[in-house]
Amino acid sequence: VRYFLKRLPVPRAVDNFMKLLSETDVEADHSLFIFVLDQICNSDEDRKGEHDESMQRVFLKYLAYSDKEDKILDLFQRLLKSCSTLDVIQTAFDALTQRLSGTTQHGLLLSVVHRMKELQAL
């Protein structure tokens, strides 16, 4: 799966990944979602932000897919570190907060605020 996804353009790779998850019995573990987020969606420095919406799709799918809070938080931290679009970060954080029944860790909230301030300063 990884080899196949790596050979495709990002939007098509993410579409095929979503299709694979919804139309087959394939069990995607946390590491496959990390691979798609980090290796497929993460843009080069000179094209930063180009695939942020694809990152968001992957994260939101994982929210629906996993019940492991620690793994969900890990994937969110990866999105937060790589993403450079404020709207994508806000949407992902809102979905995460809703999933966690309106509660978040104080440190996580501070990380989000810090990242958003960094991006606004650019």
PDB file of N, CA and C in Angstrom:
ATOM      1  N   VAL A   1       0.828  -1.188   0.000  1.00  0.00           N
ATOM      2  CA  VAL A   1       0.000   0.000   0.000  1.00  0.00           C
ATOM      3  C   VAL A   1       0.877   1.258   0.000  1.00  0.00           C
ATOM      4  N   ARG A   2       1.888   1.272   0.835  1.00  0.00           N
ATOM      5  CA  ARG A   2       2.753   2.450   0.937  1.00  0.00           C
ATOM      6  C   ARG A   2       3.438   2.757  -0.395  1.00  0.00           C
ATOM      7  N   TYR A   3       3.949   1.723  -1.032  1.00  0.00           N
ATOM      8  CA  TYR A   3       4.627   1.898  -2.313  1.00  0.00           C
ATOM      9  C   TYR A   3       3.652   2.490  -3.344  1.00  0.00           C
ATOM     10  N   PHE A   4       2.465   1.951  -3.394  1.00  0.00           N
ATOM     11  CA  PHE A   4       1.444   2.414  -4.329  1.00  0.00           C
ATOM     12  C   PHE A   4       1.097   3.882  -4.070  1.00  0.00           C
ATOM     13  N   LEU A   5       0.854   4.242  -2.825  1.00  0.00           N
ATOM     14  CA  LEU A   5       0.482   5.620  -2.485  1.00  0.00           C
ATOM     15  C   LEU A   5       1.615   6.600  -2.790  1.00  0.00           C
ATOM     16  N   LYS A   6       2.838   6.177  -2.562  1.00  0.00           N
ATOM     17  CA  LYS A   6       3.990   7.050  -2.779  1.00  0.00           C
ATOM     18  C   LYS A   6       4.170   7.395  -4.257  1.00  0.00           C
ATOM     19  N   ARG A   7       3.668   6.557  -5.136  1.00  0.00           N
ATOM     20  CA  ARG A   7       3.819   6.756  -6.579  1.00  0.00           C
ATOM     21  C   ARG A   7       2.781   7.721  -7.169  1.00  0.00           C
ATOM     22  N   LEU A   8       1.770   8.066  -6.403  1.00  0.00           N
ATOM     23  CA  LEU A   8       0.677   8.899  -6.906  1.00  0.00           C
ATOM     24  C   LEU A   8       0.844  10.354  -6.484  1.00  0.00           C
ATOM     25  N   PRO A   9       0.259  11.288  -7.244  1.00  0.00           N
ATOM     26  CA  PRO A   9       0.197  12.678  -6.772  1.00  0.00           C
ATOM     27  C   PRO A   9      -0.612  12.732  -5.468  1.00  0.00           C
ATOM     28  N   VAL A  10      -0.323  13.694  -4.634  1.00  0.00           N
ATOM     29  CA  VAL A  10      -0.911  13.747  -3.289  1.00  0.00           C
ATOM     30  C   VAL A  10      -2.441  13.646  -3.274  1.00  0.00           C
ATOM     31  N   PRO A  11      -3.161  14.482  -4.005  1.00  0.00           N
ATOM     32  CA  PRO A  11      -4.630  14.380  -3.917  1.00  0.00           C
ATOM     33  C   PRO A  11      -5.146  12.988  -4.311  1.00  0.00           C
ATOM     34  N   ARG A  12      -4.553  12.422  -5.337  1.00  0.00           N
ATOM     35  CA  ARG A  12      -4.992  11.099  -5.777  1.00  0.00           C
ATOM     36  C   ARG A  12      -4.601  10.020  -4.754  1.00  0.00           C
ATOM     37  N   ALA A  13      -3.425  10.155  -4.159  1.00  0.00           N
ATOM     38  CA  ALA A  13      -2.993   9.199  -3.136  1.00  0.00           C
ATOM     39  C   ALA A  13      -3.950   9.216  -1.942  1.00  0.00           C
ATOM     40  N   VAL A  14      -4.329  10.412  -1.503  1.00  0.00           N
ATOM     41  CA  VAL A  14      -5.254  10.530  -0.373  1.00  0.00           C
ATOM     42  C   VAL A  14      -6.630   9.993  -0.754  1.00  0.00           C
ATOM     43  N   ASP A  15      -7.099  10.298  -1.954  1.00  0.00           N
ATOM     44  CA  ASP A  15      -8.385   9.749  -2.419  1.00  0.00           C
ATOM     45  C   ASP A  15      -8.360   8.226  -2.414  1.00  0.00           C
ATOM     46  N   ASN A  16      -7.277   7.651  -2.922  1.00  0.00           N
ATOM     47  CA  ASN A  16      -7.172   6.195  -2.963  1.00  0.00           C
ATOM     48  C   ASN A  16      -7.049   5.588  -1.569  1.00  0.00           C
ATOM     49  N   PHE A  17      -6.363   6.269  -0.678  1.00  0.00           N
ATOM     50  CA  PHE A  17      -6.261   5.815   0.708  1.00  0.00           C
ATOM     51  C   PHE A  17      -7.642   5.795   1.362  1.00  0.00           C
ATOM     52  N   MET A  18      -8.415   6.862   1.170  1.00  0.00           N
ATOM     53  CA  MET A  18      -9.767   6.932   1.732  1.00  0.00           C
ATOM     54  C   MET A  18     -10.663   5.835   1.136  1.00  0.00           C
ATOM     55  N   LYS A  19     -10.516   5.633  -0.151  1.00  0.00           N
ATOM     56  CA  LYS A  19     -11.296   4.599  -0.833  1.00  0.00           C
ATOM     57  C   LYS A  19     -10.927   3.217  -0.309  1.00  0.00           C
ATOM     58  N   LEU A  20      -9.646   2.988  -0.113  1.00  0.00           N
ATOM     59  CA  LEU A  20      -9.168   1.720   0.428  1.00  0.00           C
ATOM     60  C   LEU A  20      -9.780   1.451   1.802  1.00  0.00           C
ATOM     61  N   LEU A  21      -9.830   2.474   2.633  1.00  0.00           N
ATOM     62  CA  LEU A  21     -10.379   2.317   3.975  1.00  0.00           C
ATOM     63  C   LEU A  21     -11.885   2.076   3.968  1.00  0.00           C
ATOM     64  N   SER A  22     -12.584   2.746   3.072  1.00  0.00           N
ATOM     65  CA  SER A  22     -14.050   2.654   3.090  1.00  0.00           C
ATOM     66  C   SER A  22     -14.601   1.483   2.289  1.00  0.00           C
ATOM     67  N   GLU A  23     -13.856   0.998   1.303  1.00  0.00           N
ATOM     68  CA  GLU A  23     -14.405  -0.030   0.432  1.00  0.00           C
ATOM     69  C   GLU A  23     -13.796  -1.416   0.607  1.00  0.00           C
ATOM     70  N   THR A  24     -12.852  -1.546   1.518  1.00  0.00           N
ATOM     71  CA  THR A  24     -12.233  -2.846   1.736  1.00  0.00           C
ATOM     72  C   THR A  24     -12.229  -3.173   3.221  1.00  0.00           C
ATOM     73  N   ASP A  25     -11.776  -4.360   3.515  1.00  0.00           N
ATOM     74  CA  ASP A  25     -11.650  -4.790   4.906  1.00  0.00           C
ATOM     75  C   ASP A  25     -10.251  -4.549   5.460  1.00  0.00           C
ATOM     76  N   VAL A  26      -9.483  -3.736   4.760  1.00  0.00           N
ATOM     77  CA  VAL A  26      -8.115  -3.467   5.189  1.00  0.00           C
ATOM     78  C   VAL A  26      -8.136  -2.763   6.539  1.00  0.00           C
ATOM     79  N   GLU A  27      -7.340  -3.286   7.459  1.00  0.00           N
ATOM     80  CA  GLU A  27      -7.175  -2.655   8.760  1.00  0.00           C
ATOM     81  C   GLU A  27      -5.943  -1.756   8.687  1.00  0.00           C
ATOM     82  N   ALA A  28      -6.142  -0.479   8.729  1.00  0.00           N
ATOM     83  CA  ALA A  28      -5.024   0.461   8.691  1.00  0.00           C
ATOM     84  C   ALA A  28      -4.623   0.798  10.115  1.00  0.00           C
ATOM     85  N   ASP A  29      -3.383   0.518  10.447  1.00  0.00           N
ATOM     86  CA  ASP A  29      -2.930   0.852  11.791  1.00  0.00           C
ATOM     87  C   ASP A  29      -2.445   2.305  11.834  1.00  0.00           C
ATOM     88  N   HIS A  30      -2.131   2.729  13.018  1.00  0.00           N
ATOM     89  CA  HIS A  30      -1.696   4.101  13.266  1.00  0.00           C
ATOM     90  C   HIS A  30      -0.520   4.486  12.370  1.00  0.00           C
ATOM     91  N   SER A  31       0.392   3.557  12.183  1.00  0.00           N
ATOM     92  CA  SER A  31       1.597   3.860  11.400  1.00  0.00           C
ATOM     93  C   SER A  31       1.267   4.158   9.937  1.00  0.00           C
ATOM     94  N   LEU A  32       0.228   3.568   9.394  1.00  0.00           N
ATOM     95  CA  LEU A  32      -0.147   3.865   8.009  1.00  0.00           C
ATOM     96  C   LEU A  32      -0.717   5.284   7.899  1.00  0.00           C
ATOM     97  N   PHE A  33      -1.499   5.695   8.871  1.00  0.00           N
ATOM     98  CA  PHE A  33      -2.003   7.072   8.881  1.00  0.00           C
ATOM     99  C   PHE A  33      -0.835   8.060   9.033  1.00  0.00           C
ATOM    100  N   ILE A  34       0.130   7.724   9.878  1.00  0.00           N
ATOM    101  CA  ILE A  34       1.312   8.575  10.034  1.00  0.00           C
ATOM    102  C   ILE A  34       2.063   8.666   8.707  1.00  0.00           C
ATOM    103  N   PHE A  35       2.226   7.540   8.044  1.00  0.00           N
ATOM    104  CA  PHE A  35       2.900   7.525   6.750  1.00  0.00           C
ATOM    105  C   PHE A  35       2.204   8.459   5.760  1.00  0.00           C
ATOM    106  N   VAL A  36       0.893   8.350   5.659  1.00  0.00           N
ATOM    107  CA  VAL A  36       0.155   9.192   4.710  1.00  0.00           C
ATOM    108  C   VAL A  36       0.281  10.663   5.101  1.00  0.00           C
ATOM    109  N   LEU A  37       0.154  10.961   6.379  1.00  0.00           N
ATOM    110  CA  LEU A  37       0.250  12.359   6.825  1.00  0.00           C
ATOM    111  C   LEU A  37       1.662  12.912   6.629  1.00  0.00           C
ATOM    112  N   ASP A  38       2.677  12.171   7.081  1.00  0.00           N
ATOM    113  CA  ASP A  38       4.056  12.667   7.058  1.00  0.00           C
ATOM    114  C   ASP A  38       4.743  12.529   5.705  1.00  0.00           C
ATOM    115  N   GLN A  39       4.540  11.414   5.036  1.00  0.00           N
ATOM    116  CA  GLN A  39       5.283  11.137   3.808  1.00  0.00           C
ATOM    117  C   GLN A  39       4.538  11.533   2.535  1.00  0.00           C
ATOM    118  N   ILE A  40       3.234  11.477   2.562  1.00  0.00           N
ATOM    119  CA  ILE A  40       2.458  11.783   1.359  1.00  0.00           C
ATOM    120  C   ILE A  40       2.011  13.248   1.360  1.00  0.00           C
ATOM    121  N   CYS A  41       1.419  13.705   2.453  1.00  0.00           N
ATOM    122  CA  CYS A  41       0.807  15.043   2.487  1.00  0.00           C
ATOM    123  C   CYS A  41       1.773  16.167   2.826  1.00  0.00           C
ATOM    124  N   ASN A  42       2.826  15.885   3.528  1.00  0.00           N
ATOM    125  CA  ASN A  42       3.722  16.929   3.993  1.00  0.00           C
ATOM    126  C   ASN A  42       4.496  17.527   2.815  1.00  0.00           C
ATOM    127  N   SER A  43       4.306  18.800   2.563  1.00  0.00           N
ATOM    128  CA  SER A  43       4.921  19.487   1.424  1.00  0.00           C
ATOM    129  C   SER A  43       6.362  19.858   1.721  1.00  0.00           C
ATOM    130  N   ASP A  44       7.130  20.004   0.655  1.00  0.00           N
ATOM    131  CA  ASP A  44       8.478  20.529   0.788  1.00  0.00           C
ATOM    132  C   ASP A  44       8.393  21.957   1.292  1.00  0.00           C
ATOM    133  N   GLU A  45       9.481  22.434   1.848  1.00  0.00           N
ATOM    134  CA  GLU A  45       9.516  23.779   2.430  1.00  0.00           C
ATOM    135  C   GLU A  45       9.086  24.858   1.427  1.00  0.00           C
ATOM    136  N   ASP A  46       9.469  24.712   0.168  1.00  0.00           N
ATOM    137  CA  ASP A  46       9.130  25.733  -0.821  1.00  0.00           C
ATOM    138  C   ASP A  46       7.675  25.632  -1.293  1.00  0.00           C
ATOM    139  N   ARG A  47       6.998  24.558  -0.941  1.00  0.00           N
ATOM    140  CA  ARG A  47       5.580  24.393  -1.311  1.00  0.00           C
ATOM    141  C   ARG A  47       4.730  24.212  -0.058  1.00  0.00           C
ATOM    142  N   LYS A  48       5.154  24.787   1.029  1.00  0.00           N
ATOM    143  CA  LYS A  48       4.497  24.629   2.321  1.00  0.00           C
ATOM    144  C   LYS A  48       3.016  24.995   2.238  1.00  0.00           C
ATOM    145  N   GLY A  49       2.183  24.131   2.769  1.00  0.00           N
ATOM    146  CA  GLY A  49       0.753  24.400   2.831  1.00  0.00           C
ATOM    147  C   GLY A  49      -0.034  23.875   1.654  1.00  0.00           C
ATOM    148  N   GLU A  50       0.654  23.430   0.620  1.00  0.00           N
ATOM    149  CA  GLU A  50      -0.031  23.003  -0.597  1.00  0.00           C
ATOM    150  C   GLU A  50      -0.999  21.833  -0.354  1.00  0.00           C
ATOM    151  N   HIS A  51      -0.652  20.957   0.564  1.00  0.00           N
ATOM    152  CA  HIS A  51      -1.474  19.773   0.796  1.00  0.00           C
ATOM    153  C   HIS A  51      -2.068  19.723   2.213  1.00  0.00           C
ATOM    154  N   ASP A  52      -2.230  20.888   2.815  1.00  0.00           N
ATOM    155  CA  ASP A  52      -2.778  20.944   4.169  1.00  0.00           C
ATOM    156  C   ASP A  52      -4.202  20.371   4.235  1.00  0.00           C
ATOM    157  N   GLU A  53      -5.001  20.621   3.218  1.00  0.00           N
ATOM    158  CA  GLU A  53      -6.368  20.087   3.236  1.00  0.00           C
ATOM    159  C   GLU A  53      -6.369  18.565   3.148  1.00  0.00           C
ATOM    160  N   SER A  54      -5.385  18.004   2.464  1.00  0.00           N
ATOM    161  CA  SER A  54      -5.251  16.544   2.439  1.00  0.00           C
ATOM    162  C   SER A  54      -4.878  16.022   3.819  1.00  0.00           C
ATOM    163  N   MET A  55      -3.993  16.747   4.514  1.00  0.00           N
ATOM    164  CA  MET A  55      -3.654  16.377   5.893  1.00  0.00           C
ATOM    165  C   MET A  55      -4.907  16.373   6.755  1.00  0.00           C
ATOM    166  N   GLN A  56      -5.724  17.389   6.587  1.00  0.00           N
ATOM    167  CA  GLN A  56      -6.958  17.494   7.360  1.00  0.00           C
ATOM    168  C   GLN A  56      -7.861  16.290   7.095  1.00  0.00           C
ATOM    169  N   ARG A  57      -7.998  15.905   5.842  1.00  0.00           N
ATOM    170  CA  ARG A  57      -8.834  14.741   5.491  1.00  0.00           C
ATOM    171  C   ARG A  57      -8.331  13.483   6.188  1.00  0.00           C
ATOM    172  N   VAL A  58      -7.012  13.296   6.186  1.00  0.00           N
ATOM    173  CA  VAL A  58      -6.415  12.115   6.814  1.00  0.00           C
ATOM    174  C   VAL A  58      -6.677  12.140   8.321  1.00  0.00           C
ATOM    175  N   PHE A  59      -6.477  13.288   8.943  1.00  0.00           N
ATOM    176  CA  PHE A  59      -6.695  13.391  10.387  1.00  0.00           C
ATOM    177  C   PHE A  59      -8.166  13.153  10.743  1.00  0.00           C
ATOM    178  N   LEU A  60      -9.078  13.775  10.015  1.00  0.00           N
ATOM    179  CA  LEU A  60     -10.504  13.605  10.316  1.00  0.00           C
ATOM    180  C   LEU A  60     -10.939  12.158  10.116  1.00  0.00           C
ATOM    181  N   LYS A  61     -10.363  11.490   9.139  1.00  0.00           N
ATOM    182  CA  LYS A  61     -10.665  10.073   8.926  1.00  0.00           C
ATOM    183  C   LYS A  61     -10.171   9.254  10.116  1.00  0.00           C
ATOM    184  N   TYR A  62      -8.986   9.592  10.603  1.00  0.00           N
ATOM    185  CA  TYR A  62      -8.455   8.862  11.754  1.00  0.00           C
ATOM    186  C   TYR A  62      -9.310   9.090  13.000  1.00  0.00           C
ATOM    187  N   LEU A  63      -9.827  10.283  13.156  1.00  0.00           N
ATOM    188  CA  LEU A  63     -10.731  10.549  14.278  1.00  0.00           C
ATOM    189  C   LEU A  63     -11.925   9.596  14.262  1.00  0.00           C
ATOM    190  N   ALA A  64     -12.449   9.357  13.084  1.00  0.00           N
ATOM    191  CA  ALA A  64     -13.603   8.462  12.947  1.00  0.00           C
ATOM    192  C   ALA A  64     -13.179   6.995  13.032  1.00  0.00           C
ATOM    193  N   TYR A  65     -11.935   6.723  12.739  1.00  0.00           N
ATOM    194  CA  TYR A  65     -11.434   5.368  12.599  1.00  0.00           C
ATOM    195  C   TYR A  65     -10.917   4.775  13.906  1.00  0.00           C
ATOM    196  N   SER A  66     -10.324   5.598  14.732  1.00  0.00           N
ATOM    197  CA  SER A  66      -9.641   5.107  15.930  1.00  0.00           C
ATOM    198  C   SER A  66     -10.374   5.497  17.211  1.00  0.00           C
ATOM    199  N   ASP A  67     -10.230   4.661  18.202  1.00  0.00           N
ATOM    200  CA  ASP A  67     -10.772   4.989  19.517  1.00  0.00           C
ATOM    201  C   ASP A  67      -9.652   5.175  20.549  1.00  0.00           C
ATOM    202  N   LYS A  68      -8.426   5.219  20.084  1.00  0.00           N
ATOM    203  CA  LYS A  68      -7.267   5.354  20.973  1.00  0.00           C
ATOM    204  C   LYS A  68      -6.862   6.822  21.077  1.00  0.00           C
ATOM    205  N   GLU A  69      -7.196   7.426  22.198  1.00  0.00           N
ATOM    206  CA  GLU A  69      -6.981   8.861  22.384  1.00  0.00           C
ATOM    207  C   GLU A  69      -5.516   9.254  22.242  1.00  0.00           C
ATOM    208  N   ASP A  70      -4.604   8.460  22.785  1.00  0.00           N
ATOM    209  CA  ASP A  70      -3.187   8.804  22.694  1.00  0.00           C
ATOM    210  C   ASP A  70      -2.692   8.815  21.246  1.00  0.00           C
ATOM    211  N   LYS A  71      -3.199   7.913  20.441  1.00  0.00           N
ATOM    212  CA  LYS A  71      -2.807   7.854  19.024  1.00  0.00           C
ATOM    213  C   LYS A  71      -3.432   9.016  18.237  1.00  0.00           C
ATOM    214  N   ILE A  72      -4.655   9.369  18.596  1.00  0.00           N
ATOM    215  CA  ILE A  72      -5.320  10.513  17.960  1.00  0.00           C
ATOM    216  C   ILE A  72      -4.543  11.791  18.273  1.00  0.00           C
ATOM    217  N   LEU A  73      -4.149  11.951  19.523  1.00  0.00           N
ATOM    218  CA  LEU A  73      -3.385  13.142  19.911  1.00  0.00           C
ATOM    219  C   LEU A  73      -2.034  13.184  19.207  1.00  0.00           C
ATOM    220  N   ASP A  74      -1.410  12.028  19.044  1.00  0.00           N
ATOM    221  CA  ASP A  74      -0.138  11.966  18.323  1.00  0.00           C
ATOM    222  C   ASP A  74      -0.311  12.442  16.883  1.00  0.00           C
ATOM    223  N   LEU A  75      -1.333  11.953  16.220  1.00  0.00           N
ATOM    224  CA  LEU A  75      -1.560  12.358  14.825  1.00  0.00           C
ATOM    225  C   LEU A  75      -1.886  13.847  14.739  1.00  0.00           C
ATOM    226  N   PHE A  76      -2.644  14.353  15.709  1.00  0.00           N
ATOM    227  CA  PHE A  76      -2.943  15.788  15.704  1.00  0.00           C
ATOM    228  C   PHE A  76      -1.662  16.607  15.875  1.00  0.00           C
ATOM    229  N   GLN A  77      -0.783  16.177  16.769  1.00  0.00           N
ATOM    230  CA  GLN A  77       0.482  16.905  16.982  1.00  0.00           C
ATOM    231  C   GLN A  77       1.307  16.932  15.697  1.00  0.00           C
ATOM    232  N   ARG A  78       1.274  15.843  14.951  1.00  0.00           N
ATOM    233  CA  ARG A  78       1.992  15.793  13.677  1.00  0.00           C
ATOM    234  C   ARG A  78       1.381  16.766  12.679  1.00  0.00           C
ATOM    235  N   LEU A  79       0.057  16.807  12.614  1.00  0.00           N
ATOM    236  CA  LEU A  79      -0.622  17.754  11.733  1.00  0.00           C
ATOM    237  C   LEU A  79      -0.273  19.180  12.149  1.00  0.00           C
ATOM    238  N   LEU A  80      -0.324  19.450  13.430  1.00  0.00           N
ATOM    239  CA  LEU A  80      -0.044  20.787  13.947  1.00  0.00           C
ATOM    240  C   LEU A  80       1.368  21.239  13.573  1.00  0.00           C
ATOM    241  N   LYS A  81       2.317  20.344  13.661  1.00  0.00           N
ATOM    242  CA  LYS A  81       3.709  20.666  13.355  1.00  0.00           C
ATOM    243  C   LYS A  81       3.917  20.934  11.855  1.00  0.00           C
ATOM    244  N   SER A  82       3.222  20.203  11.014  1.00  0.00           N
ATOM    245  CA  SER A  82       3.448  20.273   9.569  1.00  0.00           C
ATOM    246  C   SER A  82       2.554  21.267   8.840  1.00  0.00           C
ATOM    247  N   CYS A  83       1.386  21.482   9.357  1.00  0.00           N
ATOM    248  CA  CYS A  83       0.377  22.292   8.671  1.00  0.00           C
ATOM    249  C   CYS A  83       0.706  23.786   8.772  1.00  0.00           C
ATOM    250  N   SER A  84       0.418  24.514   7.703  1.00  0.00           N
ATOM    251  CA  SER A  84       0.664  25.954   7.732  1.00  0.00           C
ATOM    252  C   SER A  84      -0.577  26.764   7.365  1.00  0.00           C
ATOM    253  N   THR A  85      -1.737  26.126   7.425  1.00  0.00           N
ATOM    254  CA  THR A  85      -2.997  26.798   7.122  1.00  0.00           C
ATOM    255  C   THR A  85      -3.831  26.911   8.398  1.00  0.00           C
ATOM    256  N   LEU A  86      -4.104  28.131   8.798  1.00  0.00           N
ATOM    257  CA  LEU A  86      -4.835  28.360  10.054  1.00  0.00           C
ATOM    258  C   LEU A  86      -6.203  27.674  10.068  1.00  0.00           C
ATOM    259  N   ASP A  87      -6.936  27.767   8.979  1.00  0.00           N
ATOM    260  CA  ASP A  87      -8.270  27.166   8.927  1.00  0.00           C
ATOM    261  C   ASP A  87      -8.219  25.651   9.112  1.00  0.00           C
ATOM    262  N   VAL A  88      -7.223  25.020   8.537  1.00  0.00           N
ATOM    263  CA  VAL A  88      -7.082  23.567   8.673  1.00  0.00           C
ATOM    264  C   VAL A  88      -6.775  23.204  10.124  1.00  0.00           C
ATOM    265  N   ILE A  89      -5.872  23.948  10.745  1.00  0.00           N
ATOM    266  CA  ILE A  89      -5.542  23.692  12.151  1.00  0.00           C
ATOM    267  C   ILE A  89      -6.786  23.894  13.019  1.00  0.00           C
ATOM    268  N   GLN A  90      -7.507  24.977  12.791  1.00  0.00           N
ATOM    269  CA  GLN A  90      -8.705  25.264  13.589  1.00  0.00           C
ATOM    270  C   GLN A  90      -9.760  24.174  13.416  1.00  0.00           C
ATOM    271  N   THR A  91     -10.006  23.752  12.185  1.00  0.00           N
ATOM    272  CA  THR A  91     -11.005  22.718  11.921  1.00  0.00           C
ATOM    273  C   THR A  91     -10.608  21.398  12.584  1.00  0.00           C
ATOM    274  N   ALA A  92      -9.342  21.031  12.452  1.00  0.00           N
ATOM    275  CA  ALA A  92      -8.861  19.784  13.069  1.00  0.00           C
ATOM    276  C   ALA A  92      -8.958  19.863  14.590  1.00  0.00           C
ATOM    277  N   PHE A  93      -8.587  21.007  15.156  1.00  0.00           N
ATOM    278  CA  PHE A  93      -8.660  21.168  16.611  1.00  0.00           C
ATOM    279  C   PHE A  93     -10.109  21.133  17.095  1.00  0.00           C
ATOM    280  N   ASP A  94     -10.998  21.776  16.379  1.00  0.00           N
ATOM    281  CA  ASP A  94     -12.416  21.740  16.750  1.00  0.00           C
ATOM    282  C   ASP A  94     -12.956  20.310  16.721  1.00  0.00           C
ATOM    283  N   ALA A  95     -12.601  19.567  15.688  1.00  0.00           N
ATOM    284  CA  ALA A  95     -13.056  18.173  15.583  1.00  0.00           C
ATOM    285  C   ALA A  95     -12.466  17.331  16.707  1.00  0.00           C
ATOM    286  N   LEU A  96     -11.207  17.571  17.030  1.00  0.00           N
ATOM    287  CA  LEU A  96     -10.558  16.849  18.127  1.00  0.00           C
ATOM    288  C   LEU A  96     -11.242  17.161  19.451  1.00  0.00           C
ATOM    289  N   THR A  97     -11.492  18.428  19.705  1.00  0.00           N
ATOM    290  CA  THR A  97     -12.157  18.834  20.949  1.00  0.00           C
ATOM    291  C   THR A  97     -13.547  18.223  21.046  1.00  0.00           C
ATOM    292  N   GLN A  98     -14.271  18.224  19.947  1.00  0.00           N
ATOM    293  CA  GLN A  98     -15.604  17.612  19.948  1.00  0.00           C
ATOM    294  C   GLN A  98     -15.496  16.120  20.237  1.00  0.00           C
ATOM    295  N   ARG A  99     -14.524  15.473  19.641  1.00  0.00           N
ATOM    296  CA  ARG A  99     -14.321  14.040  19.867  1.00  0.00           C
ATOM    297  C   ARG A  99     -13.984  13.743  21.323  1.00  0.00           C
ATOM    298  N   LEU A 100     -13.251  14.651  21.951  1.00  0.00           N
ATOM    299  CA  LEU A 100     -12.860  14.475  23.353  1.00  0.00           C
ATOM    300  C   LEU A 100     -13.912  15.051  24.300  1.00  0.00           C
ATOM    301  N   SER A 101     -15.106  15.218  23.812  1.00  0.00           N
ATOM    302  CA  SER A 101     -16.244  15.712  24.604  1.00  0.00           C
ATOM    303  C   SER A 101     -16.005  17.090  25.188  1.00  0.00           C
ATOM    304  N   GLY A 102     -15.370  17.945  24.419  1.00  0.00           N
ATOM    305  CA  GLY A 102     -15.199  19.334  24.834  1.00  0.00           C
ATOM    306  C   GLY A 102     -14.024  19.588  25.755  1.00  0.00           C
ATOM    307  N   THR A 103     -13.233  18.580  26.045  1.00  0.00           N
ATOM    308  CA  THR A 103     -12.081  18.782  26.920  1.00  0.00           C
ATOM    309  C   THR A 103     -10.793  18.599  26.131  1.00  0.00           C
ATOM    310  N   THR A 104      -9.780  19.337  26.508  1.00  0.00           N
ATOM    311  CA  THR A 104      -8.455  19.154  25.922  1.00  0.00           C
ATOM    312  C   THR A 104      -7.421  19.307  27.023  1.00  0.00           C
ATOM    313  N   GLN A 105      -6.252  18.830  26.746  1.00  0.00           N
ATOM    314  CA  GLN A 105      -5.154  19.019  27.673  1.00  0.00           C
ATOM    315  C   GLN A 105      -4.696  20.472  27.563  1.00  0.00           C
ATOM    316  N   HIS A 106      -4.360  21.064  28.679  1.00  0.00           N
ATOM    317  CA  HIS A 106      -3.930  22.460  28.691  1.00  0.00           C
ATOM    318  C   HIS A 106      -2.710  22.660  27.789  1.00  0.00           C
ATOM    319  N   GLY A 107      -1.773  21.737  27.838  1.00  0.00           N
ATOM    320  CA  GLY A 107      -0.568  21.828  27.012  1.00  0.00           C
ATOM    321  C   GLY A 107      -0.882  21.787  25.527  1.00  0.00           C
ATOM    322  N   LEU A 108      -1.881  20.993  25.168  1.00  0.00           N
ATOM    323  CA  LEU A 108      -2.274  20.897  23.765  1.00  0.00           C
ATOM    324  C   LEU A 108      -2.860  22.224  23.290  1.00  0.00           C
ATOM    325  N   LEU A 109      -3.727  22.810  24.092  1.00  0.00           N
ATOM    326  CA  LEU A 109      -4.309  24.103  23.752  1.00  0.00           C
ATOM    327  C   LEU A 109      -3.217  25.160  23.584  1.00  0.00           C
ATOM    328  N   LEU A 110      -2.248  25.162  24.484  1.00  0.00           N
ATOM    329  CA  LEU A 110      -1.136  26.117  24.368  1.00  0.00           C
ATOM    330  C   LEU A 110      -0.327  25.881  23.096  1.00  0.00           C
ATOM    331  N   SER A 111      -0.141  24.620  22.719  1.00  0.00           N
ATOM    332  CA  SER A 111       0.579  24.302  21.485  1.00  0.00           C
ATOM    333  C   SER A 111      -0.161  24.840  20.269  1.00  0.00           C
ATOM    334  N   VAL A 112      -1.467  24.695  20.265  1.00  0.00           N
ATOM    335  CA  VAL A 112      -2.280  25.181  19.147  1.00  0.00           C
ATOM    336  C   VAL A 112      -2.184  26.698  19.064  1.00  0.00           C
ATOM    337  N   VAL A 113      -2.352  27.366  20.184  1.00  0.00           N
ATOM    338  CA  VAL A 113      -2.280  28.828  20.210  1.00  0.00           C
ATOM    339  C   VAL A 113      -0.901  29.297  19.748  1.00  0.00           C
ATOM    340  N   HIS A 114       0.139  28.663  20.232  1.00  0.00           N
ATOM    341  CA  HIS A 114       1.504  29.039  19.857  1.00  0.00           C
ATOM    342  C   HIS A 114       1.724  28.865  18.345  1.00  0.00           C
ATOM    343  N   ARG A 115       1.299  27.731  17.802  1.00  0.00           N
ATOM    344  CA  ARG A 115       1.471  27.480  16.368  1.00  0.00           C
ATOM    345  C   ARG A 115       0.699  28.477  15.524  1.00  0.00           C
ATOM    346  N   MET A 116      -0.514  28.785  15.942  1.00  0.00           N
ATOM    347  CA  MET A 116      -1.333  29.734  15.177  1.00  0.00           C
ATOM    348  C   MET A 116      -0.698  31.133  15.217  1.00  0.00           C
ATOM    349  N   LYS A 117      -0.143  31.512  16.354  1.00  0.00           N
ATOM    350  CA  LYS A 117       0.537  32.814  16.427  1.00  0.00           C
ATOM    351  C   LYS A 117       1.775  32.826  15.530  1.00  0.00           C
ATOM    352  N   GLU A 118       2.512  31.713  15.495  1.00  0.00           N
ATOM    353  CA  GLU A 118       3.651  31.617  14.594  1.00  0.00           C
ATOM    354  C   GLU A 118       3.248  31.839  13.148  1.00  0.00           C
ATOM    355  N   LEU A 119       2.172  31.181  12.755  1.00  0.00           N
ATOM    356  CA  LEU A 119       1.726  31.276  11.372  1.00  0.00           C
ATOM    357  C   LEU A 119       1.180  32.657  11.028  1.00  0.00           C
ATOM    358  N   GLN A 120       0.532  33.300  11.995  1.00  0.00           N
ATOM    359  CA  GLN A 120       0.014  34.648  11.743  1.00  0.00           C
ATOM    360  C   GLN A 120       1.164  35.650  11.587  1.00  0.00           C
ATOM    361  N   ALA A 121       2.284  35.388  12.238  1.00  0.00           N
ATOM    362  CA  ALA A 121       3.427  36.301  12.165  1.00  0.00           C
ATOM    363  C   ALA A 121       4.147  36.224  10.815  1.00  0.00           C
ATOM    364  N   LEU A 122       3.901  35.150  10.075  1.00  0.00           N
ATOM    365  CA  LEU A 122       4.585  34.992   8.766  1.00  0.00           C
ATOM    366  C   LEU A 122       4.014  35.904   7.714  1.00  0.00           C
TER     367      LEU A 122
END
